[in-house]
Amino acid sequence: MANLFEQNRNYVLGDSELDLIGDRDKLAQWRHKNMGPAFYKLGRKIIYRGEDLNAWAECPSSGFLAPKAA
């Protein structure tokens, strides 16, 4: 499957590419509930790595790219 995100790039809140998986509030909810893609904190900045975003998107339990049951 083609990668949605560049593997070697870091994404921060406000990057338009993150809108593919959810808005800023949705990502904050997922972080609070320990759901969603892996993230890192650098001071007050939230960072998502491209390879983590791709791994999460391809994981069937994420429900993001999983086929819908008919």
PDB file of N, CA and C in Angstrom:
ATOM      1  N   MET A   1       0.846  -1.177   0.000  1.00  0.00           N
ATOM      2  CA  MET A   1       0.000   0.000   0.000  1.00  0.00           C
ATOM      3  C   MET A   1       0.892   1.241   0.000  1.00  0.00           C
ATOM      4  N   ALA A   2       0.458   2.242  -0.704  1.00  0.00           N
ATOM      5  CA  ALA A   2       1.208   3.498  -0.766  1.00  0.00           C
ATOM      6  C   ALA A   2       1.134   4.216   0.582  1.00  0.00           C
ATOM      7  N   ASN A   3       2.208   4.860   0.936  1.00  0.00           N
ATOM      8  CA  ASN A   3       2.247   5.604   2.194  1.00  0.00           C
ATOM      9  C   ASN A   3       1.505   6.925   2.049  1.00  0.00           C
ATOM     10  N   LEU A   4       0.721   7.266   3.043  1.00  0.00           N
ATOM     11  CA  LEU A   4       0.026   8.552   3.062  1.00  0.00           C
ATOM     12  C   LEU A   4       0.960   9.676   3.471  1.00  0.00           C
ATOM     13  N   PHE A   5       1.953   9.347   4.277  1.00  0.00           N
ATOM     14  CA  PHE A   5       2.852  10.351   4.839  1.00  0.00           C
ATOM     15  C   PHE A   5       4.288  10.009   4.471  1.00  0.00           C
ATOM     16  N   GLU A   6       5.134  11.028   4.373  1.00  0.00           N
ATOM     17  CA  GLU A   6       6.553  10.808   4.107  1.00  0.00           C
ATOM     18  C   GLU A   6       7.177  10.118   5.313  1.00  0.00           C
ATOM     19  N   GLN A   7       7.859   9.010   5.076  1.00  0.00           N
ATOM     20  CA  GLN A   7       8.405   8.197   6.154  1.00  0.00           C
ATOM     21  C   GLN A   7       9.371   8.964   7.056  1.00  0.00           C
ATOM     22  N   ASN A   8      10.237   9.764   6.486  1.00  0.00           N
ATOM     23  CA  ASN A   8      11.319  10.401   7.247  1.00  0.00           C
ATOM     24  C   ASN A   8      11.011  11.835   7.635  1.00  0.00           C
ATOM     25  N   ARG A   9       9.760  12.195   7.667  1.00  0.00           N
ATOM     26  CA  ARG A   9       9.392  13.571   7.997  1.00  0.00           C
ATOM     27  C   ARG A   9       8.681  13.611   9.341  1.00  0.00           C
ATOM     28  N   ASN A  10       8.873  14.689  10.062  1.00  0.00           N
ATOM     29  CA  ASN A  10       8.131  14.933  11.296  1.00  0.00           C
ATOM     30  C   ASN A  10       6.996  15.895  10.990  1.00  0.00           C
ATOM     31  N   TYR A  11       5.833  15.625  11.560  1.00  0.00           N
ATOM     32  CA  TYR A  11       4.655  16.465  11.374  1.00  0.00           C
ATOM     33  C   TYR A  11       4.283  17.082  12.710  1.00  0.00           C
ATOM     34  N   VAL A  12       3.892  18.334  12.692  1.00  0.00           N
ATOM     35  CA  VAL A  12       3.457  19.028  13.905  1.00  0.00           C
ATOM     36  C   VAL A  12       2.020  19.489  13.708  1.00  0.00           C
ATOM     37  N   LEU A  13       1.341  19.764  14.818  1.00  0.00           N
ATOM     38  CA  LEU A  13      -0.025  20.264  14.728  1.00  0.00           C
ATOM     39  C   LEU A  13      -0.036  21.517  13.873  1.00  0.00           C
ATOM     40  N   GLY A  14      -0.997  21.594  12.980  1.00  0.00           N
ATOM     41  CA  GLY A  14      -1.069  22.713  12.059  1.00  0.00           C
ATOM     42  C   GLY A  14      -0.646  22.328  10.654  1.00  0.00           C
ATOM     43  N   ASP A  15       0.095  21.209  10.508  1.00  0.00           N
ATOM     44  CA  ASP A  15       0.441  20.735   9.173  1.00  0.00           C
ATOM     45  C   ASP A  15      -0.822  20.221   8.493  1.00  0.00           C
ATOM     46  N   SER A  16      -1.038  20.658   7.272  1.00  0.00           N
ATOM     47  CA  SER A  16      -2.274  20.303   6.572  1.00  0.00           C
ATOM     48  C   SER A  16      -2.386  18.799   6.330  1.00  0.00           C
ATOM     49  N   GLU A  17      -1.278  18.090   6.258  1.00  0.00           N
ATOM     50  CA  GLU A  17      -1.321  16.648   6.028  1.00  0.00           C
ATOM     51  C   GLU A  17      -2.010  15.910   7.174  1.00  0.00           C
ATOM     52  N   LEU A  18      -1.912  16.434   8.380  1.00  0.00           N
ATOM     53  CA  LEU A  18      -2.551  15.779   9.527  1.00  0.00           C
ATOM     54  C   LEU A  18      -4.069  15.856   9.452  1.00  0.00           C
ATOM     55  N   ASP A  19      -4.598  16.775   8.647  1.00  0.00           N
ATOM     56  CA  ASP A  19      -6.046  16.868   8.485  1.00  0.00           C
ATOM     57  C   ASP A  19      -6.617  15.612   7.838  1.00  0.00           C
ATOM     58  N   LEU A  20      -5.769  14.795   7.201  1.00  0.00           N
ATOM     59  CA  LEU A  20      -6.232  13.540   6.609  1.00  0.00           C
ATOM     60  C   LEU A  20      -6.780  12.592   7.664  1.00  0.00           C
ATOM     61  N   ILE A  21      -6.208  12.621   8.856  1.00  0.00           N
ATOM     62  CA  ILE A  21      -6.631  11.665   9.881  1.00  0.00           C
ATOM     63  C   ILE A  21      -7.539  12.282  10.935  1.00  0.00           C
ATOM     64  N   GLY A  22      -7.567  13.582  11.047  1.00  0.00           N
ATOM     65  CA  GLY A  22      -8.450  14.215  12.019  1.00  0.00           C
ATOM     66  C   GLY A  22      -8.039  15.653  12.288  1.00  0.00           C
ATOM     67  N   ASP A  23      -8.984  16.410  12.801  1.00  0.00           N
ATOM     68  CA  ASP A  23      -8.677  17.805  13.113  1.00  0.00           C
ATOM     69  C   ASP A  23      -7.908  17.884  14.436  1.00  0.00           C
ATOM     70  N   ARG A  24      -7.504  19.074  14.799  1.00  0.00           N
ATOM     71  CA  ARG A  24      -6.689  19.293  16.001  1.00  0.00           C
ATOM     72  C   ARG A  24      -7.392  18.762  17.256  1.00  0.00           C
ATOM     73  N   ASP A  25      -8.710  18.970  17.366  1.00  0.00           N
ATOM     74  CA  ASP A  25      -9.450  18.501  18.540  1.00  0.00           C
ATOM     75  C   ASP A  25      -9.504  16.979  18.602  1.00  0.00           C
ATOM     76  N   LYS A  26      -9.705  16.332  17.452  1.00  0.00           N
ATOM     77  CA  LYS A  26      -9.766  14.870  17.413  1.00  0.00           C
ATOM     78  C   LYS A  26      -8.420  14.271  17.820  1.00  0.00           C
ATOM     79  N   LEU A  27      -7.340  14.844  17.319  1.00  0.00           N
ATOM     80  CA  LEU A  27      -6.011  14.355  17.697  1.00  0.00           C
ATOM     81  C   LEU A  27      -5.765  14.542  19.192  1.00  0.00           C
ATOM     82  N   ALA A  28      -6.231  15.653  19.754  1.00  0.00           N
ATOM     83  CA  ALA A  28      -6.078  15.898  21.194  1.00  0.00           C
ATOM     84  C   ALA A  28      -6.867  14.873  22.001  1.00  0.00           C
ATOM     85  N   GLN A  29      -8.071  14.527  21.551  1.00  0.00           N
ATOM     86  CA  GLN A  29      -8.873  13.511  22.234  1.00  0.00           C
ATOM     87  C   GLN A  29      -8.163  12.166  22.208  1.00  0.00           C
ATOM     88  N   TRP A  30      -7.627  11.805  21.053  1.00  0.00           N
ATOM     89  CA  TRP A  30      -6.923  10.528  20.932  1.00  0.00           C
ATOM     90  C   TRP A  30      -5.698  10.483  21.833  1.00  0.00           C
ATOM     91  N   ARG A  31      -4.944  11.591  21.904  1.00  0.00           N
ATOM     92  CA  ARG A  31      -3.771  11.611  22.784  1.00  0.00           C
ATOM     93  C   ARG A  31      -4.198  11.434  24.233  1.00  0.00           C
ATOM     94  N   HIS A  32      -5.275  12.098  24.632  1.00  0.00           N
ATOM     95  CA  HIS A  32      -5.764  12.015  26.008  1.00  0.00           C
ATOM     96  C   HIS A  32      -6.199  10.592  26.355  1.00  0.00           C
ATOM     97  N   LYS A  33      -6.802   9.897  25.392  1.00  0.00           N
ATOM     98  CA  LYS A  33      -7.313   8.540  25.611  1.00  0.00           C
ATOM     99  C   LYS A  33      -6.293   7.458  25.255  1.00  0.00           C
ATOM    100  N   ASN A  34      -5.054   7.865  24.933  1.00  0.00           N
ATOM    101  CA  ASN A  34      -4.015   6.917  24.504  1.00  0.00           C
ATOM    102  C   ASN A  34      -4.457   6.102  23.296  1.00  0.00           C
ATOM    103  N   MET A  35      -5.108   6.759  22.366  1.00  0.00           N
ATOM    104  CA  MET A  35      -5.538   6.156  21.107  1.00  0.00           C
ATOM    105  C   MET A  35      -4.813   6.891  19.982  1.00  0.00           C
ATOM    106  N   GLY A  36      -5.053   6.478  18.758  1.00  0.00           N
ATOM    107  CA  GLY A  36      -4.489   7.191  17.623  1.00  0.00           C
ATOM    108  C   GLY A  36      -3.014   6.896  17.421  1.00  0.00           C
ATOM    109  N   PRO A  37      -2.393   7.627  16.513  1.00  0.00           N
ATOM    110  CA  PRO A  37      -0.986   7.381  16.194  1.00  0.00           C
ATOM    111  C   PRO A  37      -0.052   7.800  17.331  1.00  0.00           C
ATOM    112  N   ALA A  38       1.124   7.178  17.341  1.00  0.00           N
ATOM    113  CA  ALA A  38       2.143   7.534  18.338  1.00  0.00           C
ATOM    114  C   ALA A  38       2.558   8.984  18.145  1.00  0.00           C
ATOM    115  N   PHE A  39       2.871   9.640  19.256  1.00  0.00           N
ATOM    116  CA  PHE A  39       3.299  11.034  19.195  1.00  0.00           C
ATOM    117  C   PHE A  39       4.408  11.254  20.210  1.00  0.00           C
ATOM    118  N   TYR A  40       5.099  12.353  20.032  1.00  0.00           N
ATOM    119  CA  TYR A  40       6.190  12.724  20.921  1.00  0.00           C
ATOM    120  C   TYR A  40       5.999  14.170  21.323  1.00  0.00           C
ATOM    121  N   LYS A  41       6.459  14.509  22.512  1.00  0.00           N
ATOM    122  CA  LYS A  41       6.389  15.894  22.973  1.00  0.00           C
ATOM    123  C   LYS A  41       7.802  16.446  23.067  1.00  0.00           C
ATOM    124  N   LEU A  42       7.976  17.619  22.515  1.00  0.00           N
ATOM    125  CA  LEU A  42       9.226  18.349  22.616  1.00  0.00           C
ATOM    126  C   LEU A  42       8.865  19.685  23.232  1.00  0.00           C
ATOM    127  N   GLY A  43       9.009  19.765  24.544  1.00  0.00           N
ATOM    128  CA  GLY A  43       8.505  20.936  25.254  1.00  0.00           C
ATOM    129  C   GLY A  43       6.983  20.911  25.190  1.00  0.00           C
ATOM    130  N   ARG A  44       6.403  21.955  24.616  1.00  0.00           N
ATOM    131  CA  ARG A  44       4.945  22.008  24.467  1.00  0.00           C
ATOM    132  C   ARG A  44       4.493  21.584  23.074  1.00  0.00           C
ATOM    133  N   LYS A  45       5.447  21.261  22.217  1.00  0.00           N
ATOM    134  CA  LYS A  45       5.145  20.916  20.831  1.00  0.00           C
ATOM    135  C   LYS A  45       4.854  19.424  20.702  1.00  0.00           C
ATOM    136  N   ILE A  46       3.806  19.078  19.960  1.00  0.00           N
ATOM    137  CA  ILE A  46       3.443  17.694  19.678  1.00  0.00           C
ATOM    138  C   ILE A  46       3.999  17.342  18.304  1.00  0.00           C
ATOM    139  N   ILE A  47       4.702  16.216  18.229  1.00  0.00           N
ATOM    140  CA  ILE A  47       5.330  15.793  16.983  1.00  0.00           C
ATOM    141  C   ILE A  47       4.857  14.386  16.631  1.00  0.00           C
ATOM    142  N   TYR A  48       4.478  14.204  15.367  1.00  0.00           N
ATOM    143  CA  TYR A  48       4.126  12.894  14.824  1.00  0.00           C
ATOM    144  C   TYR A  48       5.165  12.539  13.769  1.00  0.00           C
ATOM    145  N   ARG A  49       5.718  11.336  13.831  1.00  0.00           N
ATOM    146  CA  ARG A  49       6.669  10.884  12.814  1.00  0.00           C
ATOM    147  C   ARG A  49       5.899  10.230  11.680  1.00  0.00           C
ATOM    148  N   GLY A  50       6.342  10.464  10.461  1.00  0.00           N
ATOM    149  CA  GLY A  50       5.672   9.925   9.284  1.00  0.00           C
ATOM    150  C   GLY A  50       5.542   8.417   9.315  1.00  0.00           C
ATOM    151  N   GLU A  51       6.595   7.726   9.729  1.00  0.00           N
ATOM    152  CA  GLU A  51       6.532   6.268   9.759  1.00  0.00           C
ATOM    153  C   GLU A  51       5.515   5.780  10.793  1.00  0.00           C
ATOM    154  N   ASP A  52       5.361   6.489  11.907  1.00  0.00           N
ATOM    155  CA  ASP A  52       4.352   6.118  12.906  1.00  0.00           C
ATOM    156  C   ASP A  52       2.943   6.364  12.375  1.00  0.00           C
ATOM    157  N   LEU A  53       2.755   7.465  11.653  1.00  0.00           N
ATOM    158  CA  LEU A  53       1.445   7.761  11.071  1.00  0.00           C
ATOM    159  C   LEU A  53       1.057   6.699  10.048  1.00  0.00           C
ATOM    160  N   ASN A  54       1.999   6.295   9.197  1.00  0.00           N
ATOM    161  CA  ASN A  54       1.714   5.265   8.200  1.00  0.00           C
ATOM    162  C   ASN A  54       1.412   3.926   8.854  1.00  0.00           C
ATOM    163  N   ALA A  55       2.178   3.567   9.873  1.00  0.00           N
ATOM    164  CA  ALA A  55       1.938   2.304  10.577  1.00  0.00           C
ATOM    165  C   ALA A  55       0.557   2.304  11.222  1.00  0.00           C
ATOM    166  N   TRP A  56       0.178   3.414  11.836  1.00  0.00           N
ATOM    167  CA  TRP A  56      -1.134   3.503  12.473  1.00  0.00           C
ATOM    168  C   TRP A  56      -2.251   3.423  11.433  1.00  0.00           C
ATOM    169  N   ALA A  57      -2.087   4.121  10.311  1.00  0.00           N
ATOM    170  CA  ALA A  57      -3.125   4.143   9.281  1.00  0.00           C
ATOM    171  C   ALA A  57      -3.345   2.763   8.676  1.00  0.00           C
ATOM    172  N   GLU A  58      -2.292   1.961   8.580  1.00  0.00           N
ATOM    173  CA  GLU A  58      -2.401   0.637   7.977  1.00  0.00           C
ATOM    174  C   GLU A  58      -2.837  -0.437   8.968  1.00  0.00           C
ATOM    175  N   CYS A  59      -2.828  -0.137  10.244  1.00  0.00           N
ATOM    176  CA  CYS A  59      -3.209  -1.104  11.273  1.00  0.00           C
ATOM    177  C   CYS A  59      -4.720  -1.335  11.229  1.00  0.00           C
ATOM    178  N   PRO A  60      -5.159  -2.592  11.096  1.00  0.00           N
ATOM    179  CA  PRO A  60      -6.599  -2.853  11.024  1.00  0.00           C
ATOM    180  C   PRO A  60      -7.372  -2.369  12.250  1.00  0.00           C
ATOM    181  N   SER A  61      -6.751  -2.396  13.424  1.00  0.00           N
ATOM    182  CA  SER A  61      -7.475  -1.986  14.629  1.00  0.00           C
ATOM    183  C   SER A  61      -7.705  -0.480  14.687  1.00  0.00           C
ATOM    184  N   SER A  62      -6.960   0.302  13.879  1.00  0.00           N
ATOM    185  CA  SER A  62      -7.189   1.750  13.869  1.00  0.00           C
ATOM    186  C   SER A  62      -8.508   2.084  13.190  1.00  0.00           C
ATOM    187  N   GLY A  63      -8.933   1.216  12.257  1.00  0.00           N
ATOM    188  CA  GLY A  63     -10.175   1.478  11.538  1.00  0.00           C
ATOM    189  C   GLY A  63     -10.044   2.561  10.493  1.00  0.00           C
ATOM    190  N   PHE A  64      -8.844   3.083  10.302  1.00  0.00           N
ATOM    191  CA  PHE A  64      -8.669   4.196   9.375  1.00  0.00           C
ATOM    192  C   PHE A  64      -8.730   3.726   7.932  1.00  0.00           C
ATOM    193  N   LEU A  65      -7.939   2.736   7.556  1.00  0.00           N
ATOM    194  CA  LEU A  65      -7.933   2.223   6.190  1.00  0.00           C
ATOM    195  C   LEU A  65      -8.536   0.833   6.099  1.00  0.00           C
ATOM    196  N   ALA A  66      -9.057   0.330   7.194  1.00  0.00           N
ATOM    197  CA  ALA A  66      -9.643  -1.004   7.187  1.00  0.00           C
ATOM    198  C   ALA A  66     -10.904  -1.012   6.335  1.00  0.00           C
ATOM    199  N   PRO A  67     -11.112  -2.082   5.564  1.00  0.00           N
ATOM    200  CA  PRO A  67     -12.325  -2.149   4.742  1.00  0.00           C
ATOM    201  C   PRO A  67     -13.572  -2.218   5.613  1.00  0.00           C
ATOM    202  N   LYS A  68     -14.615  -1.563   5.169  1.00  0.00           N
ATOM    203  CA  LYS A  68     -15.885  -1.559   5.896  1.00  0.00           C
ATOM    204  C   LYS A  68     -16.626  -2.872   5.644  1.00  0.00           C
ATOM    205  N   ALA A  69     -17.235  -3.407   6.678  1.00  0.00           N
ATOM    206  CA  ALA A  69     -18.021  -4.632   6.534  1.00  0.00           C
ATOM    207  C   ALA A  69     -19.297  -4.321   5.772  1.00  0.00           C
ATOM    208  N   ALA A  70     -19.650  -5.218   4.874  1.00  0.00           N
ATOM    209  CA  ALA A  70     -20.847  -4.993   4.046  1.00  0.00           C
ATOM    210  C   ALA A  70     -22.095  -5.435   4.753  1.00  0.00           C
TER     211      ALA A  70
END
